[in-house]
N, C-alpha and C. Protein backbone atom coordinates (compact mmCIF):
# COMPACT_ATOMS: atom_id res chain seq x y z
N UNK A 1 54.90 -18.78 -29.15
CA UNK A 1 55.32 -18.56 -27.78
C UNK A 1 56.18 -19.70 -27.29
N UNK A 2 55.92 -20.91 -27.76
CA UNK A 2 56.69 -22.07 -27.33
C UNK A 2 58.14 -21.94 -27.78
N UNK A 3 58.35 -21.44 -28.98
CA UNK A 3 59.71 -21.28 -29.50
C UNK A 3 60.48 -20.26 -28.66
N UNK A 4 59.82 -19.18 -28.25
CA UNK A 4 60.47 -18.17 -27.42
C UNK A 4 60.89 -18.78 -26.09
N UNK A 5 60.03 -19.58 -25.50
CA UNK A 5 60.36 -20.23 -24.22
C UNK A 5 61.53 -21.17 -24.37
N UNK A 6 61.52 -21.94 -25.44
CA UNK A 6 62.61 -22.88 -25.68
C UNK A 6 63.93 -22.14 -25.83
N UNK A 7 63.91 -21.07 -26.60
CA UNK A 7 65.12 -20.28 -26.80
C UNK A 7 65.56 -19.66 -25.48
N UNK A 8 64.61 -19.13 -24.71
CA UNK A 8 64.94 -18.51 -23.42
C UNK A 8 65.57 -19.51 -22.47
N UNK A 9 64.99 -20.70 -22.36
CA UNK A 9 65.54 -21.72 -21.47
C UNK A 9 66.91 -22.19 -21.96
N UNK A 10 67.07 -22.26 -23.26
CA UNK A 10 68.38 -22.65 -23.80
C UNK A 10 69.44 -21.62 -23.48
N UNK A 11 69.09 -20.34 -23.65
CA UNK A 11 70.03 -19.28 -23.32
C UNK A 11 70.34 -19.25 -21.82
N UNK A 12 69.33 -19.49 -21.00
CA UNK A 12 69.54 -19.53 -19.56
C UNK A 12 70.50 -20.66 -19.20
N UNK A 13 70.28 -21.82 -19.75
CA UNK A 13 71.16 -22.95 -19.47
C UNK A 13 72.59 -22.69 -19.94
N UNK A 14 72.72 -22.12 -21.13
CA UNK A 14 74.04 -21.80 -21.66
C UNK A 14 74.76 -20.80 -20.78
N UNK A 15 74.04 -19.77 -20.33
CA UNK A 15 74.68 -18.77 -19.48
C UNK A 15 75.10 -19.37 -18.15
N UNK A 16 74.31 -20.31 -17.62
CA UNK A 16 74.69 -20.96 -16.36
C UNK A 16 75.95 -21.79 -16.54
N UNK A 17 76.04 -22.49 -17.65
CA UNK A 17 77.23 -23.30 -17.90
C UNK A 17 78.46 -22.41 -18.04
N UNK A 18 78.31 -21.32 -18.80
CA UNK A 18 79.44 -20.40 -18.98
C UNK A 18 79.83 -19.74 -17.66
N UNK A 19 78.84 -19.30 -16.89
CA UNK A 19 79.13 -18.66 -15.60
C UNK A 19 79.81 -19.64 -14.66
N UNK A 20 79.36 -20.87 -14.66
CA UNK A 20 79.99 -21.89 -13.81
C UNK A 20 81.43 -22.13 -14.22
N UNK A 21 81.69 -22.16 -15.52
CA UNK A 21 83.05 -22.36 -16.00
C UNK A 21 83.96 -21.20 -15.66
N UNK A 22 83.45 -19.99 -15.79
CA UNK A 22 84.24 -18.81 -15.45
C UNK A 22 84.56 -18.77 -13.96
N UNK A 23 83.59 -19.12 -13.14
CA UNK A 23 83.82 -19.12 -11.69
C UNK A 23 84.86 -20.16 -11.32
N UNK A 24 84.81 -21.30 -11.97
CA UNK A 24 85.78 -22.35 -11.69
C UNK A 24 87.18 -21.89 -12.10
N UNK A 25 87.27 -21.23 -13.25
CA UNK A 25 88.57 -20.78 -13.74
C UNK A 25 89.14 -19.69 -12.83
N UNK A 26 88.29 -18.83 -12.30
CA UNK A 26 88.75 -17.73 -11.46
C UNK A 26 89.08 -18.20 -10.05
N UNK A 27 88.48 -19.31 -9.61
CA UNK A 27 88.73 -19.81 -8.27
C UNK A 27 88.02 -19.04 -7.19
N UNK A 28 87.09 -18.19 -7.57
CA UNK A 28 86.30 -17.44 -6.58
C UNK A 28 84.84 -17.51 -6.97
N UNK A 29 83.98 -17.45 -5.98
CA UNK A 29 82.56 -17.62 -6.22
C UNK A 29 81.79 -16.47 -5.62
N UNK A 30 80.65 -16.17 -6.22
CA UNK A 30 79.77 -15.13 -5.70
C UNK A 30 78.79 -15.71 -4.70
N UNK A 31 77.85 -14.88 -4.26
CA UNK A 31 76.85 -15.36 -3.31
C UNK A 31 76.00 -16.48 -3.91
N UNK A 32 75.75 -17.52 -3.11
CA UNK A 32 74.92 -18.62 -3.55
C UNK A 32 75.65 -19.71 -4.30
N UNK A 33 76.97 -19.58 -4.44
CA UNK A 33 77.74 -20.58 -5.16
C UNK A 33 78.81 -21.15 -4.24
N UNK A 34 78.86 -22.47 -4.17
CA UNK A 34 79.89 -23.16 -3.41
C UNK A 34 80.54 -24.19 -4.33
N UNK A 35 81.43 -24.98 -3.78
CA UNK A 35 82.07 -26.02 -4.59
C UNK A 35 81.09 -27.13 -4.99
N UNK A 36 79.96 -27.24 -4.30
CA UNK A 36 79.03 -28.33 -4.57
C UNK A 36 77.63 -27.87 -4.99
N UNK A 37 77.35 -26.57 -4.93
CA UNK A 37 75.98 -26.11 -5.14
C UNK A 37 75.93 -24.73 -5.78
N UNK A 38 74.90 -24.54 -6.61
CA UNK A 38 74.58 -23.23 -7.18
C UNK A 38 73.13 -22.95 -6.81
N UNK A 39 72.88 -21.87 -6.09
CA UNK A 39 71.51 -21.51 -5.72
C UNK A 39 70.99 -20.45 -6.68
N UNK A 40 69.80 -20.71 -7.19
CA UNK A 40 69.12 -19.78 -8.09
C UNK A 40 67.72 -19.54 -7.55
N UNK A 41 67.33 -18.29 -7.46
CA UNK A 41 66.01 -17.97 -6.96
C UNK A 41 65.21 -17.15 -7.96
N UNK A 42 63.91 -17.30 -7.93
CA UNK A 42 63.04 -16.48 -8.77
C UNK A 42 61.65 -16.39 -8.15
N UNK A 43 60.85 -15.51 -8.72
CA UNK A 43 59.44 -15.43 -8.33
C UNK A 43 58.61 -15.63 -9.58
N UNK A 44 57.46 -16.25 -9.40
CA UNK A 44 56.51 -16.50 -10.48
C UNK A 44 55.11 -16.38 -9.93
N UNK A 45 54.15 -16.04 -10.78
CA UNK A 45 52.75 -15.97 -10.33
C UNK A 45 52.09 -17.34 -10.35
N UNK A 46 52.31 -18.14 -9.31
CA UNK A 46 51.67 -19.44 -9.25
C UNK A 46 50.19 -19.31 -8.85
N UNK A 47 49.83 -18.17 -8.30
CA UNK A 47 48.42 -17.90 -7.97
C UNK A 47 48.09 -16.50 -8.47
N UNK A 48 46.83 -16.13 -8.38
CA UNK A 48 46.42 -14.80 -8.81
C UNK A 48 45.97 -14.77 -10.25
N UNK A 49 45.78 -13.56 -10.79
CA UNK A 49 45.21 -13.43 -12.13
C UNK A 49 46.10 -13.95 -13.26
N UNK A 50 47.38 -14.06 -13.04
CA UNK A 50 48.28 -14.55 -14.09
C UNK A 50 48.84 -15.93 -13.74
N UNK A 51 48.08 -16.70 -13.01
CA UNK A 51 48.57 -18.00 -12.55
C UNK A 51 48.89 -18.96 -13.69
N UNK A 52 48.32 -18.72 -14.85
CA UNK A 52 48.63 -19.59 -15.99
C UNK A 52 50.10 -19.46 -16.40
N UNK A 53 50.74 -18.36 -16.03
CA UNK A 53 52.17 -18.17 -16.33
C UNK A 53 53.06 -18.92 -15.34
N UNK A 54 52.47 -19.48 -14.29
CA UNK A 54 53.23 -20.25 -13.32
C UNK A 54 53.88 -21.48 -13.92
N UNK A 55 53.39 -21.91 -15.07
CA UNK A 55 53.98 -23.07 -15.75
C UNK A 55 55.42 -22.79 -16.14
N UNK A 56 55.77 -21.52 -16.31
CA UNK A 56 57.15 -21.16 -16.66
C UNK A 56 58.08 -21.56 -15.53
N UNK A 57 57.70 -21.23 -14.29
CA UNK A 57 58.51 -21.61 -13.14
C UNK A 57 58.61 -23.11 -12.97
N UNK A 58 57.52 -23.80 -13.25
CA UNK A 58 57.53 -25.27 -13.16
C UNK A 58 58.43 -25.87 -14.23
N UNK A 59 58.43 -25.26 -15.41
CA UNK A 59 59.30 -25.74 -16.50
C UNK A 59 60.77 -25.50 -16.15
N UNK A 60 61.06 -24.35 -15.56
CA UNK A 60 62.43 -24.07 -15.14
C UNK A 60 62.89 -25.07 -14.08
N UNK A 61 62.01 -25.37 -13.13
CA UNK A 61 62.35 -26.35 -12.09
C UNK A 61 62.64 -27.71 -12.71
N UNK A 62 61.83 -28.10 -13.69
CA UNK A 62 62.04 -29.39 -14.36
C UNK A 62 63.37 -29.38 -15.13
N UNK A 63 63.69 -28.27 -15.76
CA UNK A 63 64.94 -28.16 -16.51
C UNK A 63 66.14 -28.30 -15.57
N UNK A 64 66.10 -27.60 -14.43
CA UNK A 64 67.21 -27.68 -13.48
C UNK A 64 67.31 -29.08 -12.87
N UNK A 65 66.18 -29.74 -12.67
CA UNK A 65 66.20 -31.12 -12.18
C UNK A 65 66.88 -32.03 -13.20
N UNK A 66 66.61 -31.79 -14.49
CA UNK A 66 67.26 -32.57 -15.54
C UNK A 66 68.76 -32.34 -15.53
N UNK A 67 69.18 -31.09 -15.39
CA UNK A 67 70.61 -30.77 -15.32
C UNK A 67 71.25 -31.48 -14.13
N UNK A 68 70.56 -31.45 -12.98
CA UNK A 68 71.09 -32.13 -11.79
C UNK A 68 71.21 -33.64 -12.01
N UNK A 69 70.22 -34.23 -12.70
CA UNK A 69 70.25 -35.67 -12.98
C UNK A 69 71.42 -36.04 -13.90
N UNK A 70 71.86 -35.08 -14.70
CA UNK A 70 72.97 -35.31 -15.61
C UNK A 70 74.32 -34.95 -14.98
N UNK A 71 74.32 -34.66 -13.69
CA UNK A 71 75.58 -34.39 -13.01
C UNK A 71 75.79 -32.94 -12.61
N UNK A 72 74.84 -32.07 -12.95
CA UNK A 72 74.96 -30.66 -12.57
C UNK A 72 75.86 -29.88 -13.51
N UNK A 73 76.34 -28.76 -13.04
CA UNK A 73 77.22 -27.89 -13.81
C UNK A 73 78.60 -27.97 -13.16
N UNK A 74 79.54 -28.52 -13.87
CA UNK A 74 80.89 -28.74 -13.34
C UNK A 74 80.85 -29.45 -11.99
N UNK A 75 79.95 -30.40 -11.86
CA UNK A 75 79.83 -31.18 -10.62
C UNK A 75 79.01 -30.51 -9.54
N UNK A 76 78.49 -29.33 -9.80
CA UNK A 76 77.67 -28.62 -8.81
C UNK A 76 76.20 -28.86 -9.10
N UNK A 77 75.44 -29.13 -8.06
CA UNK A 77 73.99 -29.29 -8.19
C UNK A 77 73.33 -27.91 -8.12
N UNK A 78 72.25 -27.75 -8.85
CA UNK A 78 71.49 -26.49 -8.84
C UNK A 78 70.36 -26.61 -7.84
N UNK A 79 70.30 -25.65 -6.93
CA UNK A 79 69.18 -25.55 -6.00
C UNK A 79 68.32 -24.40 -6.50
N UNK A 80 67.15 -24.75 -7.03
CA UNK A 80 66.25 -23.76 -7.61
C UNK A 80 65.16 -23.43 -6.60
N UNK A 81 65.13 -22.18 -6.16
CA UNK A 81 64.15 -21.73 -5.18
C UNK A 81 63.17 -20.82 -5.91
N UNK A 82 61.92 -21.23 -5.98
CA UNK A 82 60.90 -20.45 -6.68
C UNK A 82 59.79 -20.09 -5.71
N UNK A 83 59.43 -18.83 -5.68
CA UNK A 83 58.41 -18.35 -4.76
C UNK A 83 57.22 -17.76 -5.53
N UNK A 84 56.06 -17.88 -4.93
CA UNK A 84 54.82 -17.37 -5.53
C UNK A 84 54.66 -15.89 -5.20
N UNK A 85 54.58 -15.06 -6.25
CA UNK A 85 54.36 -13.63 -6.02
C UNK A 85 52.91 -13.21 -6.25
N UNK A 86 52.07 -14.15 -6.69
CA UNK A 86 50.65 -13.85 -6.86
C UNK A 86 50.36 -12.74 -7.85
N UNK A 87 51.34 -12.40 -8.69
CA UNK A 87 51.20 -11.32 -9.68
C UNK A 87 50.87 -10.00 -8.99
N UNK A 88 51.49 -9.78 -7.84
CA UNK A 88 51.28 -8.57 -7.05
C UNK A 88 52.64 -7.92 -6.79
N UNK A 89 52.88 -6.70 -7.28
CA UNK A 89 54.19 -6.06 -7.09
C UNK A 89 54.65 -5.99 -5.64
N UNK A 90 53.79 -5.60 -4.67
CA UNK A 90 54.28 -5.58 -3.29
C UNK A 90 54.71 -6.97 -2.79
N UNK A 91 53.96 -7.99 -3.19
CA UNK A 91 54.31 -9.34 -2.77
C UNK A 91 55.59 -9.80 -3.46
N UNK A 92 55.80 -9.37 -4.70
CA UNK A 92 57.02 -9.72 -5.42
C UNK A 92 58.24 -9.15 -4.69
N UNK A 93 58.15 -7.89 -4.27
CA UNK A 93 59.25 -7.27 -3.54
C UNK A 93 59.54 -8.04 -2.26
N UNK A 94 58.49 -8.41 -1.55
CA UNK A 94 58.64 -9.18 -0.31
C UNK A 94 59.33 -10.52 -0.57
N UNK A 95 58.89 -11.22 -1.61
CA UNK A 95 59.45 -12.54 -1.91
C UNK A 95 60.92 -12.44 -2.35
N UNK A 96 61.24 -11.42 -3.13
CA UNK A 96 62.62 -11.24 -3.57
C UNK A 96 63.53 -10.93 -2.40
N UNK A 97 63.05 -10.14 -1.47
CA UNK A 97 63.85 -9.84 -0.27
C UNK A 97 64.11 -11.10 0.54
N UNK A 98 63.13 -12.00 0.59
CA UNK A 98 63.32 -13.26 1.32
C UNK A 98 64.35 -14.14 0.61
N UNK A 99 64.44 -14.03 -0.71
CA UNK A 99 65.42 -14.82 -1.45
C UNK A 99 66.85 -14.34 -1.15
N UNK A 100 66.99 -13.05 -0.91
CA UNK A 100 68.33 -12.46 -0.68
C UNK A 100 68.85 -12.82 0.62
């Protein structure tokens, strides 16, 4: 399971770098992206029956903090917003709507 997480985080980081480069080349940005910041949001079960999976969100936050410490992506800092969905589908929908 650890290898899958490592690969997943690596692919996530690679896709962020590529997306940041493409946005810079195009000169236009989507929602949540400015010249100085990239906002990324997610939900994780930090509480509830699957709270042990909350470590994934904490690992992602640590990874993005490391990227920010190294200068960000093309000079942009990552703002990672993670919300607790309690492993409940109705709460997940509510939290995702708040992220939007």
